[in-house]
Structure formats: structure tokens, C-alpha cells
Amino acid sequence: MPDYSVRVGDVEITALSDGYLEFEPSNFFPNVPEEDWQPYLDQLTDEGRILLNIGSFVVRSSGATVLIDTGLGGVDHGFDHSESGQLLGDMSERGISPDEIDVVAITHLHLDHVGGNLILRDRGYEPTFRNAKYWIPRADWVMFTRRSGMKMFSYIKDQVTPLEPLGLLEFIEGGEQITDVLTAVPTPGHTPGHTSFWVSSASENAVILGDAAHMPIQAHHTDWNPRADVDNETSPVSRREILDRAEKESAVVASGHFPKPGFGRLSRQDGVRRWQAL
């Protein structure tokens, strides 16, 4: 059974899941010809589909407890072949209370990463993590709030913008130090402000990718761009740079969309870079 927590120096990182999403490969990676999947059929389901975990991570250090991304939540998301709303139950099973979260750090403002920011209670939507400050990329705030009136971005009005008048929002402008062990790393392309998070403690490192990569295949095929990328030129550059850094520094590479629990390391096999689960 895989371990859902890893140690990085004096830091504990725990993987959580809110559910899963399924996609047709040709729909998810429209620039990848069908024949290019042949060596990687083992990374698809028996039905030949892409199965993506909806993962979050809790980073615990002596200074703070940080939750990275909040899943799809219980909103009407409109995704076929999906399941969500499991994050709080998974937290409870792993002995983590929502009230102990000091910081919620958001990689980007797509629905499957912010759908659990607020929860619907008797008085309306209230912060799920009521003792936390929420850090979000400003470049995403600018784009997504401008589009919040559109049907596909209407969730922003329930799950993001209510945090501002409550004084709970902090903006990531670049490489901010979020806590003493956690640093924001700009990895734009998937969205304008997409951010990965670097963990450093006692000479050990980890990186939480967000959607800089969705599948282990992209450790090698950094040019495989998902349909949701807003900038197909910048996205592979960011992907390659963050994975190059992780490989160079022997960092644990954690991805919420990789197979659960999403912890692995990069290694070279016959000159090909691969992500190997821990």
C-alpha cells in the first residue's frame, strides 16, 4: 500500500484526494497523435481513458500548516466521468482538521483546484478553512475575475471572489516566500499565473507541481500540452524548467493529478527522463 505522507527534511507532506476525472486522450492532449500513445497504453485505463486524481497536499512544518489546492468540492461542475467532494472526508481520515490549516496556497484558478475554498452553510458560502489566509496568483485573479460572468467561470463568484471582502486573500506576484519552508515558483502557461510550490528543509527538497504536468508521461514529453493550457508556447517551457530543477536537486516530485498518492522522483533510463512513484 502506498504511503500517503513523505518527509522532506523536517517537513511532512501528506497527499489528499477529492476524487477523480476521466478524459479521452485525444480530447485531453489534442496535439498528440493516436499512434504516439502506443508505448504508454499501460498509463491509460482498461477503457483507454486518462484517469486523473484530483489531489491536494498538506505541508506541515513547525511554522505553519499549508493546504495546497482544494479540489472540485461539491459544486455543480459539469464534468462527465468524475467524482468529487471527498477532500474533507480524506482529511478527517488522515487526522487533519480544517481548522488547523493556516494557509491555503492555490496553484491556479481552474475549478478542480479551488472548488473547496468555500462551503455552503445555512448563511451562504463561508470559508472552508476559516483560520487560513488564501494565497492565489494575481495574474489568474485578473483573468478569471474578468470572466466570472461567463457560465464556465461562474464558480469564481462562489469560490474565489468572496474571500476578498473578508480580508482573507493574499496575492502571489512571483516567487514569494509563503512560509519558512514553502516558496512559490512561477510556472505560467497552463494559466497566466500558474504557480508550483517548492519545499526546502534540512537540505532536502520537494516540488508540488500543480498542473505544470498532468501525467507522468510529461516528464519526458514536456511538449505534450493539455487542451486547457492557455499558452501552448510558454507551458512546455515552464514544465521543462521546473522538472529540470527537480531532477538537478533530486527533489521529491508531487503531482495532484498523477496516480495516487502522487509522490515520486525523476530518474534517467536509457537517456529518457521518467517519473518513478515512491
Protein backbone atom coordinates (compact mmCIF):
# COMPACT_ATOMS: atom_id res chain seq x y z
CA MET A 1 0.00 0.00 0.00
CA PRO A 2 1.49 3.39 -0.94
CA ASP A 3 2.49 5.84 1.77
CA TYR A 4 0.34 8.97 1.70
CA SER A 5 2.89 11.01 3.68
CA VAL A 6 6.55 11.71 2.98
CA ARG A 7 9.24 13.51 4.96
CA VAL A 8 11.34 16.22 3.37
CA GLY A 9 13.85 17.29 6.00
CA ASP A 10 11.75 18.40 8.95
CA VAL A 11 8.60 18.80 6.85
CA GLU A 12 5.77 16.31 6.45
CA ILE A 13 3.82 16.34 3.17
CA THR A 14 0.52 14.47 3.12
CA ALA A 15 -1.39 13.64 -0.06
CA LEU A 16 -5.16 14.02 -0.14
CA SER A 17 -7.78 13.36 -2.82
CA ASP A 18 -11.08 14.99 -3.67
CA GLY A 19 -11.97 12.39 -6.32
CA TYR A 20 -11.08 11.81 -9.95
CA LEU A 21 -11.65 12.92 -13.54
CA GLU A 22 -11.61 10.86 -16.75
CA PHE A 23 -10.91 12.06 -20.28
CA GLU A 24 -10.43 10.71 -23.76
CA PRO A 25 -6.70 11.02 -24.62
CA SER A 26 -7.38 12.79 -27.91
CA ASN A 27 -9.58 15.32 -26.16
CA PHE A 28 -7.18 15.98 -23.30
CA PHE A 29 -3.98 16.15 -25.41
CA PRO A 30 -5.26 17.33 -28.81
CA ASN A 31 -1.73 17.84 -30.19
CA VAL A 32 -0.72 14.17 -29.61
CA PRO A 33 -1.43 11.74 -32.47
CA GLU A 34 -3.11 8.47 -31.53
CA GLU A 35 -0.09 6.40 -32.56
CA ASP A 36 2.13 8.27 -30.09
CA TRP A 37 0.17 6.67 -27.24
CA GLN A 38 1.17 3.14 -28.20
CA PRO A 39 4.18 2.89 -25.82
CA TYR A 40 2.07 4.26 -22.96
CA LEU A 41 -1.14 2.24 -23.07
CA ASP A 42 -0.32 0.98 -19.56
CA GLN A 43 -0.88 4.54 -18.31
CA LEU A 44 -4.49 4.52 -19.54
CA THR A 45 -7.50 2.75 -18.05
CA ASP A 46 -8.75 -0.57 -19.44
CA GLU A 47 -11.19 1.51 -21.49
CA GLY A 48 -8.30 3.53 -22.93
CA ARG A 49 -9.08 6.72 -20.99
CA ILE A 50 -6.95 9.10 -18.95
CA LEU A 51 -7.71 8.86 -15.23
CA LEU A 52 -6.63 11.92 -13.24
CA ASN A 53 -6.62 12.09 -9.48
CA ILE A 54 -7.92 15.37 -8.03
CA GLY A 55 -5.15 15.76 -5.49
CA SER A 56 -4.24 18.25 -2.78
CA PHE A 57 -1.30 18.30 -0.39
CA VAL A 58 -0.85 19.36 3.22
CA VAL A 59 2.61 20.69 4.04
CA ARG A 60 3.26 20.62 7.79
CA SER A 61 6.24 22.35 9.36
CA SER A 62 6.96 23.84 12.76
CA GLY A 63 5.90 27.25 11.47
CA ALA A 64 2.63 26.55 9.64
CA THR A 65 0.25 24.01 8.16
CA VAL A 66 -0.43 24.69 4.49
CA LEU A 67 -3.05 23.14 2.21
CA ILE A 68 -2.20 23.30 -1.48
CA ASP A 69 -5.36 23.34 -3.65
CA THR A 70 -8.89 22.47 -2.54
CA GLY A 71 -10.26 20.17 -5.27
CA LEU A 72 -13.58 20.29 -7.09
CA GLY A 73 -15.69 20.30 -3.95
CA GLY A 74 -19.43 19.84 -4.06
CA VAL A 75 -20.23 22.41 -6.75
CA ASP A 76 -22.10 21.51 -9.91
CA HIS A 77 -19.01 21.20 -12.07
CA GLY A 78 -20.49 19.66 -15.20
CA PHE A 79 -17.69 17.13 -15.73
CA ASP A 80 -18.72 13.73 -17.06
CA HIS A 81 -16.94 10.63 -15.76
CA SER A 82 -15.94 12.20 -12.48
CA GLU A 83 -16.32 12.01 -8.73
CA SER A 84 -15.60 14.75 -6.22
CA GLY A 85 -16.35 16.21 -2.80
CA GLN A 86 -14.11 13.79 -0.88
CA LEU A 87 -11.43 16.19 0.37
CA LEU A 88 -12.79 16.91 3.85
CA GLY A 89 -13.51 13.24 4.45
CA ASP A 90 -9.99 12.33 3.34
CA MET A 91 -8.57 14.99 5.65
CA SER A 92 -10.54 13.55 8.56
CA GLU A 93 -9.30 10.02 7.82
CA ARG A 94 -5.72 11.29 7.95
CA GLY A 95 -6.25 13.18 11.20
CA ILE A 96 -6.20 16.68 9.72
CA SER A 97 -8.78 19.23 10.83
CA PRO A 98 -9.83 22.08 8.52
CA ASP A 99 -9.33 24.44 11.46
CA GLU A 100 -5.61 23.66 11.71
CA ILE A 101 -4.93 24.94 8.18
CA ASP A 102 -3.05 28.26 8.46
CA VAL A 103 -2.54 28.86 4.75
CA VAL A 104 -4.35 27.71 1.62
CA ALA A 105 -1.98 28.07 -1.35
CA ILE A 106 -3.65 27.82 -4.75
CA THR A 107 -1.64 26.77 -7.82
CA HIS A 108 -4.18 28.33 -10.22
CA LEU A 109 -7.85 29.19 -10.50
CA HIS A 110 -9.24 26.28 -12.50
CA LEU A 111 -12.30 24.79 -10.83
CA ASP A 112 -10.70 21.49 -9.81
CA HIS A 113 -8.18 23.41 -7.69
CA VAL A 114 -10.46 25.93 -5.94
CA GLY A 115 -13.85 24.17 -5.69
CA GLY A 116 -13.43 23.60 -1.96
CA ASN A 117 -12.33 27.11 -1.00
CA LEU A 118 -15.73 27.91 0.48
CA ILE A 119 -18.54 25.69 1.67
CA LEU A 120 -22.28 26.28 1.56
CA ARG A 121 -23.72 26.60 5.06
CA ASP A 122 -27.02 27.98 6.40
CA ARG A 123 -25.90 31.60 5.97
CA GLY A 124 -24.46 31.07 2.49
CA TYR A 125 -20.92 30.37 1.34
CA GLU A 126 -18.31 30.57 4.10
CA PRO A 127 -14.56 29.80 4.06
CA THR A 128 -13.99 26.07 4.43
CA PHE A 129 -10.70 26.77 6.17
CA ARG A 130 -11.77 29.58 8.45
CA ASN A 131 -8.41 30.15 10.16
CA ALA A 132 -6.46 30.38 6.91
CA LYS A 133 -5.24 33.06 4.57
CA TYR A 134 -5.72 32.12 0.92
CA TRP A 135 -2.81 32.79 -1.44
CA ILE A 136 -3.67 32.94 -5.15
CA PRO A 137 -1.73 34.05 -8.25
CA ARG A 138 -2.60 37.65 -9.11
CA ALA A 139 -2.31 37.06 -12.86
CA ASP A 140 -5.02 34.41 -12.57
CA TRP A 141 -7.15 36.70 -10.42
CA VAL A 142 -7.02 39.35 -13.14
CA MET A 143 -8.05 36.94 -15.89
CA PHE A 144 -10.60 34.78 -14.06
CA THR A 145 -12.46 37.54 -12.24
CA ARG A 146 -12.82 39.35 -15.57
CA ARG A 147 -14.52 36.22 -16.94
CA SER A 148 -16.58 35.34 -13.86
CA GLY A 149 -19.80 36.32 -15.59
CA MET A 150 -19.29 33.58 -18.18
CA LYS A 151 -21.01 30.27 -17.46
CA MET A 152 -17.84 28.18 -17.40
CA PHE A 153 -16.16 30.58 -14.94
CA SER A 154 -19.20 31.36 -12.76
CA TYR A 155 -17.70 29.32 -9.90
CA ILE A 156 -15.28 32.20 -9.30
CA LYS A 157 -18.17 34.19 -7.76
CA ASP A 158 -18.78 31.42 -5.20
CA GLN A 159 -15.31 30.04 -4.57
CA VAL A 160 -12.83 32.90 -5.02
CA THR A 161 -14.10 36.48 -5.00
CA PRO A 162 -15.99 36.23 -1.64
CA LEU A 163 -12.60 35.84 0.06
CA GLU A 164 -11.53 39.38 -0.84
CA PRO A 165 -14.03 41.40 1.28
CA LEU A 166 -13.32 39.02 4.18
CA GLY A 167 -9.67 40.11 4.11
CA LEU A 168 -8.51 36.53 3.54
CA LEU A 169 -6.79 36.94 0.16
CA GLU A 170 -3.06 37.29 -0.42
CA PHE A 171 -1.68 37.58 -3.93
CA ILE A 172 1.26 35.69 -5.39
CA GLU A 173 3.12 38.10 -7.65
CA GLY A 174 6.15 35.93 -8.39
CA GLY A 175 8.50 33.92 -6.18
CA GLU A 176 7.01 34.77 -2.78
CA GLN A 177 8.16 33.00 0.37
CA ILE A 178 4.83 31.66 1.65
CA THR A 179 6.25 30.10 4.84
CA ASP A 180 9.76 29.42 6.08
CA VAL A 181 9.83 26.17 4.06
CA LEU A 182 7.47 26.90 1.15
CA THR A 183 8.23 29.14 -1.84
CA ALA A 184 6.07 29.98 -4.84
CA VAL A 185 7.66 29.20 -8.22
CA PRO A 186 6.00 30.82 -11.26
CA THR A 187 5.23 28.16 -13.90
CA PRO A 188 2.96 30.05 -16.31
CA GLY A 189 1.39 28.62 -19.43
CA HIS A 190 -1.40 26.40 -18.17
CA THR A 191 -2.87 29.64 -16.85
CA PRO A 192 -1.22 33.09 -16.81
CA GLY A 193 -0.34 32.91 -13.14
CA HIS A 194 0.08 29.16 -12.69
CA THR A 195 2.35 28.51 -9.72
CA SER A 196 4.18 25.46 -8.41
CA PHE A 197 5.45 25.28 -4.82
CA TRP A 198 8.97 24.40 -3.71
CA VAL A 199 9.59 22.85 -0.29
CA SER A 200 13.05 23.09 1.27
CA SER A 201 14.08 21.77 4.68
CA ALA A 202 17.34 20.44 6.11
CA SER A 203 19.00 20.29 2.67
CA GLU A 204 16.14 18.23 1.20
CA ASN A 205 13.67 19.42 -1.43
CA ALA A 206 10.28 18.71 -2.94
CA VAL A 207 8.17 20.39 -5.57
CA ILE A 208 4.38 20.36 -5.81
CA LEU A 209 3.69 20.80 -9.49
CA GLY A 210 0.05 21.78 -9.69
CA ASP A 211 -0.85 21.46 -13.36
CA ALA A 212 2.64 22.04 -14.68
CA ALA A 213 2.25 18.32 -15.51
CA HIS A 214 -0.88 16.16 -15.53
CA MET A 215 0.62 12.74 -16.28
CA PRO A 216 3.99 11.06 -15.63
CA ILE A 217 4.46 10.83 -19.43
CA GLN A 218 5.18 14.56 -19.44
CA ALA A 219 8.41 14.08 -17.51
CA HIS A 220 9.82 13.06 -20.88
CA HIS A 221 7.28 14.51 -23.31
CA THR A 222 7.37 18.05 -21.99
CA ASP A 223 5.85 19.21 -25.30
CA TRP A 224 2.56 17.36 -24.64
CA ASN A 225 0.17 20.24 -23.95
CA PRO A 226 -3.29 19.64 -22.50
CA ARG A 227 -6.24 21.36 -24.15
CA ALA A 228 -6.72 23.56 -21.07
CA ASP A 229 -3.34 25.30 -21.49
CA VAL A 230 -3.89 28.95 -22.36
CA ASP A 231 -0.39 29.40 -23.79
CA ASN A 232 0.98 26.42 -25.73
CA GLU A 233 4.38 28.04 -26.15
CA THR A 234 5.01 29.00 -22.54
CA SER A 235 3.55 25.88 -20.93
CA PRO A 236 6.18 23.37 -22.14
CA VAL A 237 8.97 25.80 -21.26
CA SER A 238 7.69 26.09 -17.68
CA ARG A 239 7.20 22.32 -17.50
CA ARG A 240 10.71 21.61 -18.68
CA GLU A 241 12.31 24.20 -16.39
CA ILE A 242 10.60 23.03 -13.18
CA LEU A 243 11.30 19.37 -13.96
CA ASP A 244 14.94 20.16 -14.84
CA ARG A 245 15.32 21.87 -11.49
CA ALA A 246 13.67 18.99 -9.64
CA GLU A 247 15.91 16.47 -11.37
CA LYS A 248 19.07 18.51 -10.70
CA GLU A 249 18.24 18.92 -7.00
CA SER A 250 16.97 15.34 -6.50
CA ALA A 251 13.66 16.69 -5.27
CA VAL A 252 10.56 14.69 -4.50
CA VAL A 253 8.12 15.50 -7.31
CA ALA A 254 4.49 15.59 -6.18
CA SER A 255 1.55 16.00 -8.55
CA GLY A 256 -2.10 16.03 -7.61
CA HIS A 257 -3.13 14.61 -10.98
CA PHE A 258 -0.61 11.74 -11.06
CA PRO A 259 -1.70 8.33 -9.74
CA LYS A 260 -2.39 8.48 -6.00
CA PRO A 261 -0.68 9.46 -3.79
CA GLY A 262 1.37 11.35 -6.39
CA PHE A 263 4.86 11.23 -4.82
CA GLY A 264 7.85 10.26 -6.96
CA ARG A 265 11.32 11.10 -8.14
CA LEU A 266 12.84 11.71 -11.55
CA SER A 267 15.47 9.40 -12.97
CA ARG A 268 17.07 8.62 -16.32
CA GLN A 269 16.55 5.28 -18.03
CA ASP A 270 18.29 4.83 -21.39
CA GLY A 271 18.59 8.60 -21.61
CA VAL A 272 14.86 9.14 -21.05
CA ARG A 273 13.65 11.06 -18.03
CA ARG A 274 10.95 9.21 -16.12
CA TRP A 275 8.89 9.88 -13.01
CA GLN A 276 9.05 6.88 -10.69
CA ALA A 277 6.48 6.61 -7.90
CA LEU A 278 7.92 6.34 -4.39
